[in-house]
Amino acid sequence: MAHQEIIFAGFGGQGILSMGKFLAYAGLDEGLNVSWFPSYGPEMRGGTSNCSVIIDEDPIGSPLVVDASTVVVMNRPSLDKFESHVVPGGLLIIDSDLVNREPERTDIDIIKIPAQTAAEEVGSKKIANMVLLGALVERTKIVPMEALLHALKAHGKEQFYELNKKALEKGAEYARK
């Protein structure tokens, strides 16, 4: 696993910070060096929210991500703001239910997932973030899926574990297409 820098972005209340947190916990559980850096507007729910996660075998110098290997966006303002931050050859994962424009980049890998629809099929729109996270882990292999599931079980709410697990699996399916 090489050094990976990820930006998760969307509206407050979409579980943006949770996506990053669970990924960071999974990295820690795998014995990797991890940085989780949240950022959100004063509005909180409904305002913009993003976080960056760095996972590496080597020590991490700074938690700031400028050139991201992967960006996950859950709304159009986030695509507008962070599309340019993906390194050439990097990955952009988009919730195509909420982003109403095509990405402009042609030098990156793009996965478009109707995450709201997929999450609703699994049981709740509130877990659209987990669908996208499942796609990220499947495509990048940043951590084993088992490590992510363990992090969810250890650090998430137990009553949502099975639902989140299904959402992660659904996202992984999209990444394999």
N, C-alpha and C. Protein backbone atom coordinates (compact mmCIF):
# COMPACT_ATOMS: atom_id res chain seq x y z
N MET A 1 0.84 -1.19 0.00
CA MET A 1 0.00 0.00 0.00
C MET A 1 0.88 1.24 0.00
N ALA A 2 0.69 2.06 -0.98
CA ALA A 2 1.47 3.30 -1.06
C ALA A 2 0.79 4.39 -0.24
N HIS A 3 1.51 5.46 -0.08
CA HIS A 3 0.99 6.67 0.57
C HIS A 3 -0.29 7.12 -0.14
N GLN A 4 -1.37 7.33 0.62
CA GLN A 4 -2.61 7.80 0.01
C GLN A 4 -3.17 8.98 0.79
N GLU A 5 -3.61 9.97 0.04
CA GLU A 5 -4.22 11.17 0.63
C GLU A 5 -5.62 11.30 0.05
N ILE A 6 -6.62 11.38 0.94
CA ILE A 6 -8.01 11.39 0.51
C ILE A 6 -8.73 12.61 1.06
N ILE A 7 -9.59 13.19 0.25
CA ILE A 7 -10.48 14.27 0.70
C ILE A 7 -11.91 13.76 0.57
N PHE A 8 -12.68 13.86 1.64
CA PHE A 8 -14.11 13.57 1.63
C PHE A 8 -14.81 14.92 1.75
N ALA A 9 -15.82 15.19 0.90
CA ALA A 9 -16.47 16.50 0.95
C ALA A 9 -17.95 16.41 0.60
N GLY A 10 -18.73 17.28 1.24
CA GLY A 10 -20.17 17.35 1.00
C GLY A 10 -20.80 18.36 1.93
N PHE A 11 -22.09 18.18 2.18
CA PHE A 11 -22.81 19.04 3.13
C PHE A 11 -22.66 18.47 4.53
N GLY A 12 -22.73 19.34 5.53
CA GLY A 12 -22.79 18.87 6.90
C GLY A 12 -24.03 18.01 7.07
N GLY A 13 -23.92 16.93 7.86
CA GLY A 13 -25.05 16.05 8.08
C GLY A 13 -25.07 14.84 7.15
N GLN A 14 -24.16 14.80 6.16
CA GLN A 14 -24.11 13.65 5.24
C GLN A 14 -23.18 12.55 5.72
N GLY A 15 -22.53 12.75 6.85
CA GLY A 15 -21.61 11.73 7.35
C GLY A 15 -20.23 11.82 6.73
N ILE A 16 -19.86 13.02 6.27
CA ILE A 16 -18.55 13.23 5.65
C ILE A 16 -17.43 12.93 6.64
N LEU A 17 -17.52 13.50 7.83
CA LEU A 17 -16.46 13.31 8.83
C LEU A 17 -16.41 11.86 9.29
N SER A 18 -17.57 11.21 9.37
CA SER A 18 -17.62 9.79 9.77
C SER A 18 -16.90 8.90 8.77
N MET A 19 -17.09 9.18 7.48
CA MET A 19 -16.40 8.38 6.45
C MET A 19 -14.90 8.41 6.71
N GLY A 20 -14.38 9.61 6.91
CA GLY A 20 -12.95 9.76 7.15
C GLY A 20 -12.51 9.10 8.43
N LYS A 21 -13.33 9.24 9.46
CA LYS A 21 -12.98 8.69 10.77
C LYS A 21 -12.90 7.16 10.72
N PHE A 22 -13.89 6.52 10.09
CA PHE A 22 -13.87 5.06 10.03
C PHE A 22 -12.69 4.56 9.20
N LEU A 23 -12.37 5.27 8.14
CA LEU A 23 -11.21 4.89 7.33
C LEU A 23 -9.92 5.05 8.14
N ALA A 24 -9.83 6.13 8.90
CA ALA A 24 -8.65 6.36 9.74
C ALA A 24 -8.51 5.28 10.80
N TYR A 25 -9.62 4.92 11.45
CA TYR A 25 -9.57 3.85 12.45
C TYR A 25 -9.11 2.54 11.82
N ALA A 26 -9.60 2.25 10.61
CA ALA A 26 -9.21 1.01 9.93
C ALA A 26 -7.70 1.02 9.64
N GLY A 27 -7.19 2.17 9.24
CA GLY A 27 -5.75 2.30 9.00
C GLY A 27 -4.94 2.08 10.27
N LEU A 28 -5.42 2.66 11.36
CA LEU A 28 -4.74 2.48 12.66
C LEU A 28 -4.72 1.01 13.05
N ASP A 29 -5.88 0.34 12.87
CA ASP A 29 -6.00 -1.07 13.22
C ASP A 29 -5.04 -1.93 12.39
N GLU A 30 -4.70 -1.44 11.20
CA GLU A 30 -3.77 -2.17 10.32
C GLU A 30 -2.31 -1.82 10.64
N GLY A 31 -2.10 -0.98 11.66
CA GLY A 31 -0.74 -0.63 12.06
C GLY A 31 -0.10 0.44 11.17
N LEU A 32 -0.93 1.19 10.44
CA LEU A 32 -0.41 2.23 9.55
C LEU A 32 -0.41 3.58 10.25
N ASN A 33 0.33 4.53 9.71
CA ASN A 33 0.31 5.90 10.21
C ASN A 33 -0.89 6.59 9.57
N VAL A 34 -1.61 7.35 10.39
CA VAL A 34 -2.87 7.93 9.95
C VAL A 34 -3.00 9.37 10.41
N SER A 35 -3.61 10.18 9.56
CA SER A 35 -3.98 11.54 9.94
C SER A 35 -5.43 11.75 9.50
N TRP A 36 -6.25 12.31 10.39
CA TRP A 36 -7.64 12.64 10.08
C TRP A 36 -7.82 14.10 10.44
N PHE A 37 -8.18 14.92 9.47
CA PHE A 37 -8.23 16.36 9.67
C PHE A 37 -9.59 16.90 9.21
N PRO A 38 -10.51 17.19 10.16
CA PRO A 38 -11.85 17.67 9.78
C PRO A 38 -11.86 19.17 9.50
N SER A 39 -12.80 19.58 8.67
CA SER A 39 -12.99 21.00 8.36
C SER A 39 -14.45 21.22 8.04
N TYR A 40 -15.08 22.17 8.70
CA TYR A 40 -16.49 22.42 8.40
C TYR A 40 -16.80 23.88 8.64
N GLY A 41 -17.81 24.34 7.90
CA GLY A 41 -18.24 25.73 8.04
C GLY A 41 -18.99 25.93 9.34
N PRO A 42 -19.24 27.17 9.74
CA PRO A 42 -19.93 27.44 10.99
C PRO A 42 -21.38 26.98 10.98
N GLU A 43 -21.94 26.73 9.77
CA GLU A 43 -23.35 26.35 9.68
C GLU A 43 -23.59 24.93 10.17
N MET A 44 -22.56 24.09 10.15
CA MET A 44 -22.66 22.65 10.47
C MET A 44 -23.68 21.99 9.53
N ARG A 45 -24.76 21.42 10.06
CA ARG A 45 -25.71 20.69 9.21
C ARG A 45 -26.19 21.59 8.08
N GLY A 46 -25.96 21.14 6.86
CA GLY A 46 -26.36 21.94 5.70
C GLY A 46 -25.23 22.78 5.15
N GLY A 47 -24.25 23.11 5.99
CA GLY A 47 -23.10 23.86 5.51
C GLY A 47 -22.12 22.91 4.85
N THR A 48 -21.04 23.43 4.33
CA THR A 48 -20.07 22.54 3.71
C THR A 48 -19.23 21.86 4.78
N SER A 49 -18.81 20.67 4.46
CA SER A 49 -18.03 19.88 5.40
C SER A 49 -17.03 19.07 4.59
N ASN A 50 -15.82 18.99 5.06
CA ASN A 50 -14.87 18.08 4.42
C ASN A 50 -13.86 17.62 5.45
N CYS A 51 -13.20 16.53 5.13
CA CYS A 51 -12.11 16.08 5.97
C CYS A 51 -11.09 15.42 5.07
N SER A 52 -9.86 15.45 5.53
CA SER A 52 -8.82 14.78 4.78
C SER A 52 -8.23 13.67 5.65
N VAL A 53 -7.90 12.58 4.98
CA VAL A 53 -7.30 11.43 5.64
C VAL A 53 -6.03 11.09 4.88
N ILE A 54 -4.97 10.88 5.62
CA ILE A 54 -3.71 10.41 5.03
C ILE A 54 -3.39 9.08 5.69
N ILE A 55 -3.08 8.09 4.87
CA ILE A 55 -2.70 6.78 5.39
C ILE A 55 -1.38 6.40 4.71
N ASP A 56 -0.42 6.02 5.52
CA ASP A 56 0.91 5.75 4.99
C ASP A 56 1.65 4.78 5.91
N GLU A 57 2.58 4.04 5.33
CA GLU A 57 3.44 3.18 6.15
C GLU A 57 4.52 4.02 6.84
N ASP A 58 4.84 5.16 6.24
CA ASP A 58 5.86 6.05 6.79
C ASP A 58 5.21 7.15 7.64
N PRO A 59 5.99 7.82 8.48
CA PRO A 59 5.44 8.93 9.26
C PRO A 59 4.84 10.01 8.36
N ILE A 60 3.81 10.67 8.86
CA ILE A 60 3.11 11.71 8.10
C ILE A 60 3.58 13.07 8.59
N GLY A 61 4.06 13.89 7.67
CA GLY A 61 4.61 15.19 8.04
C GLY A 61 3.56 16.23 8.35
N SER A 62 2.49 16.28 7.56
CA SER A 62 1.46 17.30 7.74
C SER A 62 0.09 16.70 7.44
N PRO A 63 -0.93 17.08 8.21
CA PRO A 63 -2.27 16.54 7.96
C PRO A 63 -2.99 17.21 6.78
N LEU A 64 -2.39 18.26 6.23
CA LEU A 64 -3.05 18.97 5.14
C LEU A 64 -2.91 18.22 3.82
N VAL A 65 -4.03 18.09 3.10
CA VAL A 65 -4.01 17.44 1.80
C VAL A 65 -4.26 18.50 0.74
N VAL A 66 -3.31 18.67 -0.16
CA VAL A 66 -3.46 19.59 -1.28
C VAL A 66 -3.63 18.77 -2.56
N ASP A 67 -2.74 17.80 -2.73
CA ASP A 67 -2.80 16.92 -3.90
C ASP A 67 -3.32 15.57 -3.44
N ALA A 68 -4.60 15.31 -3.70
CA ALA A 68 -5.24 14.09 -3.20
C ALA A 68 -5.14 12.95 -4.20
N SER A 69 -4.84 11.75 -3.68
CA SER A 69 -4.88 10.58 -4.55
C SER A 69 -6.33 10.22 -4.84
N THR A 70 -7.24 10.51 -3.89
CA THR A 70 -8.67 10.26 -4.08
C THR A 70 -9.48 11.40 -3.47
N VAL A 71 -10.54 11.79 -4.18
CA VAL A 71 -11.51 12.74 -3.65
C VAL A 71 -12.89 12.10 -3.76
N VAL A 72 -13.66 12.16 -2.67
CA VAL A 72 -15.03 11.66 -2.64
C VAL A 72 -15.94 12.87 -2.43
N VAL A 73 -16.86 13.12 -3.38
CA VAL A 73 -17.75 14.28 -3.25
C VAL A 73 -19.21 13.86 -3.22
N MET A 74 -19.96 14.51 -2.31
CA MET A 74 -21.38 14.21 -2.15
C MET A 74 -22.28 15.38 -2.53
N ASN A 75 -21.71 16.44 -3.13
CA ASN A 75 -22.54 17.53 -3.64
C ASN A 75 -21.76 18.31 -4.70
N ARG A 76 -22.49 19.13 -5.45
CA ARG A 76 -21.85 19.88 -6.54
C ARG A 76 -20.81 20.90 -6.05
N PRO A 77 -21.11 21.67 -4.99
CA PRO A 77 -20.08 22.62 -4.54
C PRO A 77 -18.75 21.92 -4.21
N SER A 78 -18.83 20.71 -3.69
CA SER A 78 -17.61 19.97 -3.37
C SER A 78 -16.87 19.54 -4.63
N LEU A 79 -17.62 19.14 -5.66
CA LEU A 79 -16.98 18.80 -6.94
C LEU A 79 -16.30 20.04 -7.50
N ASP A 80 -17.02 21.17 -7.48
CA ASP A 80 -16.46 22.42 -8.00
C ASP A 80 -15.17 22.79 -7.26
N LYS A 81 -15.16 22.59 -5.96
CA LYS A 81 -14.01 23.00 -5.14
C LYS A 81 -12.84 22.02 -5.20
N PHE A 82 -13.12 20.71 -5.22
CA PHE A 82 -12.04 19.74 -5.03
C PHE A 82 -11.63 18.93 -6.25
N GLU A 83 -12.35 19.04 -7.37
CA GLU A 83 -11.98 18.27 -8.55
C GLU A 83 -10.53 18.54 -8.95
N SER A 84 -10.11 19.78 -8.85
CA SER A 84 -8.75 20.16 -9.25
C SER A 84 -7.68 19.63 -8.30
N HIS A 85 -8.08 19.14 -7.13
CA HIS A 85 -7.11 18.66 -6.14
C HIS A 85 -6.68 17.21 -6.38
N VAL A 86 -7.37 16.50 -7.28
CA VAL A 86 -7.01 15.10 -7.55
C VAL A 86 -5.76 15.07 -8.41
N VAL A 87 -4.77 14.28 -8.01
CA VAL A 87 -3.54 14.16 -8.79
C VAL A 87 -3.85 13.46 -10.12
N PRO A 88 -3.10 13.78 -11.17
CA PRO A 88 -3.30 13.05 -12.43
C PRO A 88 -3.17 11.54 -12.19
N GLY A 89 -4.11 10.78 -12.72
CA GLY A 89 -4.12 9.34 -12.49
C GLY A 89 -4.82 8.95 -11.20
N GLY A 90 -5.28 9.96 -10.44
CA GLY A 90 -5.97 9.72 -9.17
C GLY A 90 -7.41 9.31 -9.39
N LEU A 91 -8.17 9.26 -8.30
CA LEU A 91 -9.54 8.77 -8.32
C LEU A 91 -10.51 9.81 -7.80
N LEU A 92 -11.63 9.97 -8.50
CA LEU A 92 -12.72 10.85 -8.07
C LEU A 92 -13.96 9.99 -7.96
N ILE A 93 -14.58 9.98 -6.77
CA ILE A 93 -15.81 9.23 -6.55
C ILE A 93 -16.92 10.24 -6.29
N ILE A 94 -17.99 10.12 -7.07
CA ILE A 94 -19.07 11.11 -7.06
C ILE A 94 -20.41 10.46 -6.70
N ASP A 95 -21.18 11.13 -5.84
CA ASP A 95 -22.57 10.73 -5.61
C ASP A 95 -23.37 11.34 -6.76
N SER A 96 -23.64 10.55 -7.79
CA SER A 96 -24.29 11.08 -9.00
C SER A 96 -25.75 11.46 -8.77
N ASP A 97 -26.33 11.05 -7.63
CA ASP A 97 -27.69 11.49 -7.30
C ASP A 97 -27.71 12.96 -6.89
N LEU A 98 -26.59 13.46 -6.35
CA LEU A 98 -26.57 14.83 -5.81
C LEU A 98 -25.67 15.79 -6.58
N VAL A 99 -24.83 15.26 -7.47
CA VAL A 99 -23.94 16.11 -8.25
C VAL A 99 -24.51 16.20 -9.67
N ASN A 100 -24.91 17.42 -10.06
CA ASN A 100 -25.63 17.58 -11.33
C ASN A 100 -24.77 18.10 -12.47
N ARG A 101 -23.49 17.81 -12.42
CA ARG A 101 -22.64 18.14 -13.57
C ARG A 101 -21.58 17.07 -13.74
N GLU A 102 -21.10 16.96 -14.96
CA GLU A 102 -20.04 16.00 -15.25
C GLU A 102 -18.70 16.59 -14.81
N PRO A 103 -17.79 15.74 -14.34
CA PRO A 103 -16.45 16.23 -14.04
C PRO A 103 -15.78 16.69 -15.33
N GLU A 104 -14.87 17.66 -15.21
CA GLU A 104 -14.18 18.19 -16.39
C GLU A 104 -12.88 17.46 -16.66
N ARG A 105 -12.32 16.80 -15.66
CA ARG A 105 -11.02 16.15 -15.80
C ARG A 105 -11.11 14.91 -16.68
N THR A 106 -10.08 14.69 -17.48
CA THR A 106 -10.00 13.48 -18.30
C THR A 106 -8.77 12.65 -17.95
N ASP A 107 -7.97 13.15 -17.00
CA ASP A 107 -6.72 12.48 -16.64
C ASP A 107 -6.82 11.72 -15.32
N ILE A 108 -8.06 11.46 -14.87
CA ILE A 108 -8.27 10.76 -13.61
C ILE A 108 -9.32 9.66 -13.81
N ASP A 109 -9.33 8.73 -12.86
CA ASP A 109 -10.32 7.65 -12.84
C ASP A 109 -11.56 8.21 -12.12
N ILE A 110 -12.73 8.00 -12.70
CA ILE A 110 -13.96 8.54 -12.10
C ILE A 110 -14.96 7.42 -11.89
N ILE A 111 -15.50 7.35 -10.68
CA ILE A 111 -16.58 6.40 -10.38
C ILE A 111 -17.79 7.23 -10.00
N LYS A 112 -18.87 7.09 -10.78
CA LYS A 112 -20.12 7.78 -10.45
C LYS A 112 -21.09 6.75 -9.88
N ILE A 113 -21.56 7.03 -8.69
CA ILE A 113 -22.46 6.10 -8.00
C ILE A 113 -23.71 6.85 -7.55
N PRO A 114 -24.90 6.35 -7.91
CA PRO A 114 -26.13 6.96 -7.38
C PRO A 114 -26.28 6.53 -5.92
N ALA A 115 -25.49 7.14 -5.06
CA ALA A 115 -25.35 6.67 -3.67
C ALA A 115 -26.64 6.80 -2.87
N GLN A 116 -27.42 7.86 -3.12
CA GLN A 116 -28.68 8.01 -2.38
C GLN A 116 -29.62 6.85 -2.72
N THR A 117 -29.73 6.56 -4.01
CA THR A 117 -30.59 5.48 -4.49
C THR A 117 -30.10 4.14 -3.95
N ALA A 118 -28.80 3.90 -4.05
CA ALA A 118 -28.22 2.64 -3.58
C ALA A 118 -28.44 2.47 -2.08
N ALA A 119 -28.26 3.55 -1.32
CA ALA A 119 -28.44 3.49 0.13
C ALA A 119 -29.90 3.22 0.49
N GLU A 120 -30.81 3.83 -0.26
CA GLU A 120 -32.24 3.60 -0.02
C GLU A 120 -32.60 2.14 -0.28
N GLU A 121 -32.00 1.57 -1.33
CA GLU A 121 -32.23 0.15 -1.63
C GLU A 121 -31.76 -0.73 -0.49
N VAL A 122 -30.68 -0.34 0.16
CA VAL A 122 -30.14 -1.11 1.28
C VAL A 122 -30.98 -0.89 2.55
N GLY A 123 -31.57 0.30 2.67
CA GLY A 123 -32.42 0.52 3.85
C GLY A 123 -32.56 1.93 4.34
N SER A 124 -31.66 2.85 3.97
CA SER A 124 -31.76 4.23 4.44
C SER A 124 -30.84 5.16 3.65
N LYS A 125 -31.39 6.30 3.22
CA LYS A 125 -30.58 7.29 2.50
C LYS A 125 -29.44 7.81 3.37
N LYS A 126 -29.59 7.70 4.69
CA LYS A 126 -28.58 8.23 5.60
C LYS A 126 -27.23 7.52 5.49
N ILE A 127 -27.20 6.37 4.83
CA ILE A 127 -25.94 5.63 4.73
C ILE A 127 -25.33 5.72 3.33
N ALA A 128 -25.71 6.73 2.57
CA ALA A 128 -25.11 6.94 1.24
C ALA A 128 -23.60 7.11 1.37
N ASN A 129 -23.16 7.73 2.47
CA ASN A 129 -21.72 7.90 2.69
C ASN A 129 -21.01 6.56 2.75
N MET A 130 -21.64 5.55 3.33
CA MET A 130 -21.02 4.23 3.45
C MET A 130 -20.93 3.52 2.10
N VAL A 131 -21.89 3.81 1.22
CA VAL A 131 -21.83 3.25 -0.14
C VAL A 131 -20.56 3.77 -0.83
N LEU A 132 -20.34 5.08 -0.72
CA LEU A 132 -19.16 5.70 -1.35
C LEU A 132 -17.87 5.21 -0.71
N LEU A 133 -17.87 5.05 0.61
CA LEU A 133 -16.68 4.56 1.31
C LEU A 133 -16.36 3.12 0.88
N GLY A 134 -17.39 2.31 0.70
CA GLY A 134 -17.18 0.93 0.23
C GLY A 134 -16.52 0.91 -1.14
N ALA A 135 -16.95 1.81 -2.02
CA ALA A 135 -16.35 1.91 -3.36
C ALA A 135 -14.88 2.33 -3.26
N LEU A 136 -14.60 3.29 -2.39
CA LEU A 136 -13.23 3.77 -2.20
C LEU A 136 -12.29 2.64 -1.75
N VAL A 137 -12.71 1.91 -0.73
CA VAL A 137 -11.86 0.85 -0.18
C VAL A 137 -11.69 -0.28 -1.20
N GLU A 138 -12.75 -0.62 -1.91
CA GLU A 138 -12.66 -1.68 -2.92
C GLU A 138 -11.71 -1.29 -4.05
N ARG A 139 -11.81 -0.07 -4.54
CA ARG A 139 -11.00 0.34 -5.69
C ARG A 139 -9.54 0.59 -5.30
N THR A 140 -9.32 1.26 -4.18
CA THR A 140 -7.94 1.65 -3.83
C THR A 140 -7.20 0.58 -3.03
N LYS A 141 -7.93 -0.30 -2.37
CA LYS A 141 -7.32 -1.30 -1.47
C LYS A 141 -6.49 -0.62 -0.39
N ILE A 142 -6.88 0.59 0.00
CA ILE A 142 -6.15 1.37 0.99
C ILE A 142 -6.05 0.63 2.33
N VAL A 143 -7.11 -0.08 2.68
CA VAL A 143 -7.13 -0.99 3.83
C VAL A 143 -7.98 -2.18 3.41
N PRO A 144 -7.80 -3.34 4.03
CA PRO A 144 -8.69 -4.46 3.72
C PRO A 144 -10.13 -4.13 4.16
N MET A 145 -11.12 -4.60 3.41
CA MET A 145 -12.52 -4.37 3.78
C MET A 145 -12.79 -4.88 5.20
N GLU A 146 -12.14 -6.00 5.57
CA GLU A 146 -12.33 -6.55 6.92
C GLU A 146 -11.91 -5.55 7.98
N ALA A 147 -10.83 -4.80 7.72
CA ALA A 147 -10.36 -3.80 8.68
C ALA A 147 -11.39 -2.68 8.82
N LEU A 148 -11.99 -2.30 7.70
CA LEU A 148 -13.02 -1.25 7.75
C LEU A 148 -14.24 -1.74 8.53
N LEU A 149 -14.64 -2.97 8.28
CA LEU A 149 -15.79 -3.54 9.01
C LEU A 149 -15.49 -3.62 10.51
N HIS A 150 -14.26 -4.00 10.84
CA HIS A 150 -13.86 -4.06 12.25
C HIS A 150 -13.92 -2.66 12.88
N ALA A 151 -13.46 -1.65 12.14
CA ALA A 151 -13.48 -0.27 12.65
C ALA A 151 -14.93 0.19 12.87
N LEU A 152 -15.81 -0.19 11.96
CA LEU A 152 -17.23 0.16 12.11
C LEU A 152 -17.82 -0.48 13.35
N LYS A 153 -17.47 -1.73 13.55
CA LYS A 153 -18.01 -2.47 14.70
C LYS A 153 -17.47 -1.87 16.01
N ALA A 154 -16.17 -1.55 16.02
CA ALA A 154 -15.52 -1.06 17.24
C ALA A 154 -15.86 0.40 17.56
N HIS A 155 -16.07 1.23 16.52
CA HIS A 155 -16.21 2.67 16.75
C HIS A 155 -17.55 3.24 16.32
N GLY A 156 -18.38 2.43 15.68
CA GLY A 156 -19.69 2.92 15.23
C GLY A 156 -20.79 2.50 16.19
N LYS A 157 -22.00 2.88 15.87
CA LYS A 157 -23.15 2.48 16.68
C LYS A 157 -23.57 1.08 16.27
N GLU A 158 -23.64 0.20 17.26
CA GLU A 158 -23.90 -1.22 16.99
C GLU A 158 -25.19 -1.45 16.21
N GLN A 159 -26.23 -0.65 16.50
CA GLN A 159 -27.52 -0.88 15.83
C GLN A 159 -27.46 -0.58 14.33
N PHE A 160 -26.43 0.15 13.88
CA PHE A 160 -26.32 0.47 12.45
C PHE A 160 -25.30 -0.41 11.73
N TYR A 161 -24.64 -1.30 12.45
CA TYR A 161 -23.56 -2.07 11.85
C TYR A 161 -24.00 -2.86 10.62
N GLU A 162 -25.06 -3.65 10.73
CA GLU A 162 -25.50 -4.50 9.61
C GLU A 162 -25.89 -3.66 8.40
N LEU A 163 -26.59 -2.56 8.65
CA LEU A 163 -27.00 -1.66 7.57
C LEU A 163 -25.77 -1.04 6.88
N ASN A 164 -24.82 -0.58 7.70
CA ASN A 164 -23.59 0.00 7.16
C ASN A 164 -22.80 -1.04 6.37
N LYS A 165 -22.76 -2.25 6.87
CA LYS A 165 -22.03 -3.33 6.20
C LYS A 165 -22.64 -3.56 4.80
N LYS A 166 -23.96 -3.60 4.72
CA LYS A 166 -24.63 -3.79 3.43
C LYS A 166 -24.32 -2.63 2.48
N ALA A 167 -24.29 -1.42 3.03
CA ALA A 167 -23.99 -0.24 2.21
C ALA A 167 -22.56 -0.30 1.68
N LEU A 168 -21.61 -0.71 2.51
CA LEU A 168 -20.22 -0.84 2.08
C LEU A 168 -20.10 -1.88 0.96
N GLU A 169 -20.82 -2.98 1.12
CA GLU A 169 -20.79 -4.04 0.10
C GLU A 169 -21.39 -3.54 -1.22
N LYS A 170 -22.46 -2.75 -1.12
CA LYS A 170 -23.10 -2.19 -2.31
C LYS A 170 -22.12 -1.27 -3.04
N GLY A 171 -21.42 -0.44 -2.29
CA GLY A 171 -20.43 0.46 -2.88
C GLY A 171 -19.29 -0.31 -3.54
N ALA A 172 -18.85 -1.39 -2.89
CA ALA A 172 -17.78 -2.22 -3.44
C ALA A 172 -18.20 -2.80 -4.79
N GLU A 173 -19.48 -3.19 -4.89
CA GLU A 173 -20.01 -3.72 -6.17
C GLU A 173 -19.87 -2.67 -7.28
N TYR A 174 -20.22 -1.43 -6.97
CA TYR A 174 -20.10 -0.35 -7.98
C TYR A 174 -18.65 -0.18 -8.42
N ALA A 175 -17.73 -0.28 -7.48
CA ALA A 175 -16.31 -0.09 -7.79
C ALA A 175 -15.77 -1.20 -8.69
N ARG A 176 -16.39 -2.37 -8.62
CA ARG A 176 -15.93 -3.50 -9.43
C ARG A 176 -16.48 -3.45 -10.86
N LYS A 177 -17.49 -2.61 -11.10
CA LYS A 177 -18.11 -2.54 -12.43
C LYS A 177 -17.19 -1.95 -13.46
